[in-house]
């Protein structure tokens, strides 16, 4: 099991007022993402827990690109990975931001 965090700066606070959401499912080839609005407005963080070791540089590249695209200020993402590919990681992270920004 490999666990690590990636911290980033955001250009803006993520929209919406939801406090937390969950997307995905921790299953083979997928991942579960818990998002919480708990950080200062211009900070973001992703915590990764994966059974697939040795891919941290790829995770970091995908997450940093996500920070640039989504600008998820104020959000902390906790990922439980079931062997997801990078495109699935990006999809789930973008979905979770969308859910946070939707009107509750």
N, C-alpha and C. Protein backbone atom coordinates (compact mmCIF):
# COMPACT_ATOMS: atom_id res chain seq x y z
N UNK A 1 0.85 -1.18 0.00
CA UNK A 1 0.00 0.00 0.00
C UNK A 1 0.89 1.23 0.00
N UNK A 2 0.61 2.15 -0.89
CA UNK A 2 1.34 3.41 -0.95
C UNK A 2 0.39 4.55 -0.62
N UNK A 3 0.85 5.47 0.22
CA UNK A 3 0.05 6.63 0.60
C UNK A 3 0.90 7.87 0.52
N UNK A 4 0.32 8.94 -0.04
CA UNK A 4 1.04 10.21 -0.14
C UNK A 4 0.05 11.33 -0.36
N UNK A 5 0.54 12.58 -0.25
CA UNK A 5 -0.28 13.77 -0.45
C UNK A 5 0.37 14.66 -1.50
N UNK A 6 -0.48 15.35 -2.25
CA UNK A 6 -0.02 16.36 -3.20
C UNK A 6 -0.76 17.65 -2.84
N UNK A 7 0.01 18.70 -2.58
CA UNK A 7 -0.56 20.00 -2.21
C UNK A 7 -0.45 20.94 -3.40
N UNK A 8 -1.41 21.85 -3.51
CA UNK A 8 -1.35 22.81 -4.60
C UNK A 8 -1.96 24.14 -4.21
N UNK A 9 -1.69 25.12 -5.06
CA UNK A 9 -2.28 26.45 -4.92
C UNK A 9 -3.35 26.58 -6.00
N UNK A 10 -4.40 27.29 -5.68
CA UNK A 10 -5.51 27.45 -6.59
C UNK A 10 -5.69 28.92 -6.94
N UNK A 11 -6.21 29.18 -8.12
CA UNK A 11 -6.46 30.56 -8.56
C UNK A 11 -7.73 31.12 -7.95
N UNK A 12 -8.64 30.22 -7.53
CA UNK A 12 -9.91 30.67 -6.98
C UNK A 12 -10.49 29.59 -6.08
N UNK A 13 -11.46 29.99 -5.28
CA UNK A 13 -12.21 29.06 -4.45
C UNK A 13 -13.16 28.27 -5.34
N UNK A 14 -13.29 26.99 -5.10
CA UNK A 14 -14.26 26.18 -5.83
C UNK A 14 -15.67 26.69 -5.50
N UNK A 15 -16.51 26.77 -6.51
CA UNK A 15 -17.87 27.27 -6.33
C UNK A 15 -18.73 26.33 -5.52
N UNK A 16 -19.93 26.78 -5.22
CA UNK A 16 -20.89 25.96 -4.50
C UNK A 16 -20.76 26.07 -3.01
N UNK A 17 -21.66 25.36 -2.32
CA UNK A 17 -21.69 25.42 -0.86
C UNK A 17 -21.71 24.04 -0.21
N UNK A 18 -21.65 22.99 -1.01
CA UNK A 18 -21.65 21.64 -0.42
C UNK A 18 -20.41 21.46 0.43
N UNK A 19 -20.57 20.73 1.52
CA UNK A 19 -19.45 20.48 2.43
C UNK A 19 -18.65 19.26 2.02
N UNK A 20 -19.32 18.25 1.40
CA UNK A 20 -18.59 17.04 0.98
C UNK A 20 -19.41 16.27 -0.05
N UNK A 21 -18.70 15.49 -0.86
CA UNK A 21 -19.32 14.57 -1.82
C UNK A 21 -18.42 13.35 -1.97
N UNK A 22 -19.00 12.26 -2.47
CA UNK A 22 -18.25 11.05 -2.79
C UNK A 22 -18.59 10.66 -4.22
N UNK A 23 -17.55 10.32 -5.01
CA UNK A 23 -17.77 9.83 -6.37
C UNK A 23 -16.98 8.54 -6.56
N UNK A 24 -17.42 7.75 -7.53
CA UNK A 24 -16.72 6.53 -7.89
C UNK A 24 -16.94 5.41 -6.89
N UNK A 25 -16.23 4.32 -7.13
CA UNK A 25 -16.30 3.14 -6.27
C UNK A 25 -14.93 2.48 -6.26
N UNK A 26 -14.47 2.10 -5.08
CA UNK A 26 -13.17 1.46 -4.99
C UNK A 26 -13.29 0.02 -5.47
N UNK A 27 -13.07 -0.15 -6.76
CA UNK A 27 -13.18 -1.47 -7.38
C UNK A 27 -12.06 -1.59 -8.41
N UNK A 28 -11.89 -2.75 -8.95
CA UNK A 28 -10.85 -2.99 -9.94
C UNK A 28 -10.95 -2.00 -11.09
N UNK A 29 -9.90 -1.25 -11.34
CA UNK A 29 -9.85 -0.30 -12.44
C UNK A 29 -10.58 0.99 -12.18
N UNK A 30 -10.97 1.26 -10.94
CA UNK A 30 -11.70 2.47 -10.61
C UNK A 30 -11.13 3.05 -9.33
N UNK A 31 -11.75 4.09 -8.84
CA UNK A 31 -11.33 4.68 -7.58
C UNK A 31 -12.49 5.42 -6.95
N UNK A 32 -12.38 5.63 -5.66
CA UNK A 32 -13.37 6.36 -4.88
C UNK A 32 -12.73 7.67 -4.46
N UNK A 33 -13.50 8.77 -4.59
CA UNK A 33 -12.99 10.09 -4.21
C UNK A 33 -13.95 10.72 -3.20
N UNK A 34 -13.43 11.07 -2.04
CA UNK A 34 -14.16 11.85 -1.05
C UNK A 34 -13.62 13.27 -1.13
N UNK A 35 -14.52 14.25 -1.26
CA UNK A 35 -14.10 15.65 -1.33
C UNK A 35 -14.72 16.38 -0.14
N UNK A 36 -13.89 17.19 0.52
CA UNK A 36 -14.34 17.97 1.67
C UNK A 36 -13.90 19.42 1.51
N UNK A 37 -14.80 20.33 1.84
CA UNK A 37 -14.49 21.76 1.79
C UNK A 37 -13.95 22.16 3.16
N UNK A 38 -12.64 21.97 3.35
CA UNK A 38 -12.03 22.17 4.68
C UNK A 38 -10.75 23.01 4.65
N UNK A 39 -10.29 23.40 3.48
CA UNK A 39 -9.03 24.12 3.37
C UNK A 39 -9.26 25.61 3.10
N UNK A 40 -8.24 26.43 3.31
CA UNK A 40 -8.35 27.84 2.93
C UNK A 40 -8.67 27.96 1.43
N UNK A 41 -9.31 29.06 1.05
CA UNK A 41 -9.87 29.24 -0.30
C UNK A 41 -8.89 29.03 -1.46
N UNK A 42 -7.62 29.29 -1.27
CA UNK A 42 -6.67 29.19 -2.39
C UNK A 42 -5.72 28.01 -2.25
N UNK A 43 -6.07 27.06 -1.40
CA UNK A 43 -5.27 25.85 -1.25
C UNK A 43 -6.09 24.64 -1.68
N UNK A 44 -5.40 23.61 -2.15
CA UNK A 44 -6.05 22.34 -2.49
C UNK A 44 -5.08 21.21 -2.17
N UNK A 45 -5.64 20.03 -1.96
CA UNK A 45 -4.82 18.89 -1.55
C UNK A 45 -5.48 17.60 -1.99
N UNK A 46 -4.65 16.65 -2.41
CA UNK A 46 -5.13 15.32 -2.73
C UNK A 46 -4.33 14.32 -1.91
N UNK A 47 -5.04 13.46 -1.19
CA UNK A 47 -4.43 12.36 -0.44
C UNK A 47 -4.73 11.08 -1.21
N UNK A 48 -3.69 10.32 -1.52
CA UNK A 48 -3.85 9.10 -2.32
C UNK A 48 -3.49 7.89 -1.48
N UNK A 49 -4.35 6.88 -1.54
CA UNK A 49 -4.08 5.56 -0.97
C UNK A 49 -4.28 4.56 -2.09
N UNK A 50 -3.19 3.88 -2.49
CA UNK A 50 -3.26 2.94 -3.61
C UNK A 50 -2.48 1.68 -3.29
N UNK A 51 -3.00 0.56 -3.75
CA UNK A 51 -2.30 -0.71 -3.60
C UNK A 51 -1.27 -0.90 -4.71
N UNK A 52 -1.35 -0.08 -5.75
CA UNK A 52 -0.43 -0.18 -6.89
C UNK A 52 0.75 0.76 -6.61
N UNK A 53 1.89 0.21 -6.28
CA UNK A 53 3.05 1.02 -5.90
C UNK A 53 3.92 1.34 -7.11
N UNK A 54 4.72 2.40 -6.96
CA UNK A 54 5.71 2.76 -7.97
C UNK A 54 5.25 3.75 -9.02
N UNK A 55 4.04 4.31 -8.88
CA UNK A 55 3.52 5.23 -9.88
C UNK A 55 3.31 6.65 -9.36
N UNK A 56 3.96 6.97 -8.25
CA UNK A 56 3.78 8.30 -7.67
C UNK A 56 4.07 9.44 -8.64
N UNK A 57 5.13 9.40 -9.45
CA UNK A 57 5.36 10.51 -10.38
C UNK A 57 4.19 10.72 -11.37
N UNK A 58 3.56 9.64 -11.79
CA UNK A 58 2.42 9.77 -12.70
C UNK A 58 1.23 10.37 -11.95
N UNK A 59 0.97 9.89 -10.75
CA UNK A 59 -0.09 10.46 -9.93
C UNK A 59 0.12 11.97 -9.76
N UNK A 60 1.34 12.36 -9.41
CA UNK A 60 1.62 13.77 -9.17
C UNK A 60 1.39 14.60 -10.43
N UNK A 61 1.78 14.11 -11.58
CA UNK A 61 1.57 14.84 -12.83
C UNK A 61 0.08 15.00 -13.13
N UNK A 62 -0.68 13.94 -12.95
CA UNK A 62 -2.13 13.99 -13.20
C UNK A 62 -2.80 14.96 -12.23
N UNK A 63 -2.43 14.91 -10.98
CA UNK A 63 -3.04 15.78 -9.96
C UNK A 63 -2.68 17.24 -10.20
N UNK A 64 -1.44 17.52 -10.54
CA UNK A 64 -1.04 18.91 -10.79
C UNK A 64 -1.76 19.48 -12.02
N UNK A 65 -1.95 18.66 -13.05
CA UNK A 65 -2.72 19.10 -14.21
C UNK A 65 -4.17 19.38 -13.81
N UNK A 66 -4.72 18.52 -12.97
CA UNK A 66 -6.08 18.72 -12.46
C UNK A 66 -6.19 20.04 -11.71
N UNK A 67 -5.23 20.35 -10.84
CA UNK A 67 -5.24 21.61 -10.11
C UNK A 67 -5.31 22.79 -11.08
N UNK A 68 -4.54 22.74 -12.16
CA UNK A 68 -4.53 23.81 -13.16
C UNK A 68 -5.87 23.93 -13.88
N UNK A 69 -6.45 22.80 -14.26
CA UNK A 69 -7.70 22.79 -15.03
C UNK A 69 -8.91 23.19 -14.19
N UNK A 70 -8.99 22.68 -12.97
CA UNK A 70 -10.22 22.84 -12.18
C UNK A 70 -10.16 23.98 -11.17
N UNK A 71 -8.97 24.39 -10.77
CA UNK A 71 -8.79 25.40 -9.74
C UNK A 71 -9.69 25.13 -8.53
N UNK A 72 -9.47 23.98 -7.86
CA UNK A 72 -10.37 23.55 -6.78
C UNK A 72 -10.01 24.10 -5.40
N UNK A 73 -9.95 25.43 -5.29
CA UNK A 73 -9.56 26.04 -4.03
C UNK A 73 -10.48 25.69 -2.88
N UNK A 74 -9.89 25.38 -1.73
CA UNK A 74 -10.63 25.07 -0.53
C UNK A 74 -10.98 23.61 -0.36
N UNK A 75 -10.63 22.79 -1.35
CA UNK A 75 -11.06 21.39 -1.32
C UNK A 75 -9.92 20.43 -1.02
N UNK A 76 -10.24 19.42 -0.20
CA UNK A 76 -9.33 18.31 0.06
C UNK A 76 -9.97 17.05 -0.54
N UNK A 77 -9.19 16.33 -1.35
CA UNK A 77 -9.64 15.12 -2.02
C UNK A 77 -8.92 13.93 -1.39
N UNK A 78 -9.67 12.91 -1.01
CA UNK A 78 -9.10 11.67 -0.48
C UNK A 78 -9.45 10.57 -1.46
N UNK A 79 -8.41 9.95 -2.04
CA UNK A 79 -8.61 8.93 -3.06
C UNK A 79 -8.26 7.56 -2.51
N UNK A 80 -9.18 6.61 -2.69
CA UNK A 80 -8.92 5.18 -2.44
C UNK A 80 -8.90 4.54 -3.82
N UNK A 81 -7.73 4.11 -4.25
CA UNK A 81 -7.54 3.63 -5.62
C UNK A 81 -7.65 2.13 -5.73
N UNK A 82 -8.34 1.69 -6.78
CA UNK A 82 -8.45 0.28 -7.10
C UNK A 82 -7.77 -0.07 -8.40
N UNK A 83 -6.70 0.67 -8.74
CA UNK A 83 -5.95 0.40 -9.97
C UNK A 83 -6.41 1.22 -11.16
N UNK A 84 -6.92 2.42 -10.92
CA UNK A 84 -7.44 3.27 -11.99
C UNK A 84 -6.33 3.81 -12.90
N UNK A 85 -6.68 3.96 -14.18
CA UNK A 85 -5.77 4.58 -15.15
C UNK A 85 -5.80 6.10 -14.96
N UNK A 86 -4.78 6.81 -15.46
CA UNK A 86 -4.74 8.26 -15.30
C UNK A 86 -5.98 8.99 -15.84
N UNK A 87 -6.55 8.54 -16.96
CA UNK A 87 -7.73 9.21 -17.49
C UNK A 87 -8.94 9.02 -16.57
N UNK A 88 -9.02 7.89 -15.90
CA UNK A 88 -10.11 7.66 -14.94
C UNK A 88 -9.92 8.53 -13.70
N UNK A 89 -8.67 8.70 -13.27
CA UNK A 89 -8.39 9.58 -12.14
C UNK A 89 -8.86 11.00 -12.46
N UNK A 90 -8.49 11.51 -13.63
CA UNK A 90 -8.90 12.85 -14.03
C UNK A 90 -10.42 12.96 -14.10
N UNK A 91 -11.08 11.97 -14.69
CA UNK A 91 -12.53 11.97 -14.79
C UNK A 91 -13.18 12.06 -13.42
N UNK A 92 -12.78 11.23 -12.49
CA UNK A 92 -13.38 11.21 -11.15
C UNK A 92 -13.11 12.52 -10.39
N UNK A 93 -11.91 13.07 -10.52
CA UNK A 93 -11.62 14.34 -9.85
C UNK A 93 -12.48 15.46 -10.43
N UNK A 94 -12.62 15.52 -11.74
CA UNK A 94 -13.44 16.56 -12.37
C UNK A 94 -14.92 16.38 -11.99
N UNK A 95 -15.39 15.13 -11.95
CA UNK A 95 -16.77 14.87 -11.53
C UNK A 95 -17.01 15.35 -10.10
N UNK A 96 -16.06 15.11 -9.24
CA UNK A 96 -16.25 15.48 -7.84
C UNK A 96 -16.29 17.00 -7.68
N UNK A 97 -15.49 17.74 -8.44
CA UNK A 97 -15.57 19.21 -8.39
C UNK A 97 -16.92 19.67 -8.89
N UNK A 98 -17.40 19.07 -9.98
CA UNK A 98 -18.70 19.44 -10.51
C UNK A 98 -19.80 19.24 -9.47
N UNK A 99 -19.74 18.11 -8.78
CA UNK A 99 -20.74 17.85 -7.74
C UNK A 99 -20.66 18.86 -6.60
N UNK A 100 -19.45 19.25 -6.22
CA UNK A 100 -19.28 20.24 -5.17
C UNK A 100 -19.85 21.59 -5.59
N UNK A 101 -19.75 21.90 -6.86
CA UNK A 101 -20.20 23.21 -7.36
C UNK A 101 -21.68 23.23 -7.69
N UNK A 102 -22.33 22.07 -7.84
CA UNK A 102 -23.77 22.02 -8.10
C UNK A 102 -24.53 22.57 -6.90
N UNK A 103 -25.67 23.12 -7.19
CA UNK A 103 -26.52 23.62 -6.10
C UNK A 103 -27.13 22.45 -5.36
N UNK A 104 -27.03 22.48 -4.06
CA UNK A 104 -27.57 21.38 -3.23
C UNK A 104 -29.03 21.61 -2.93
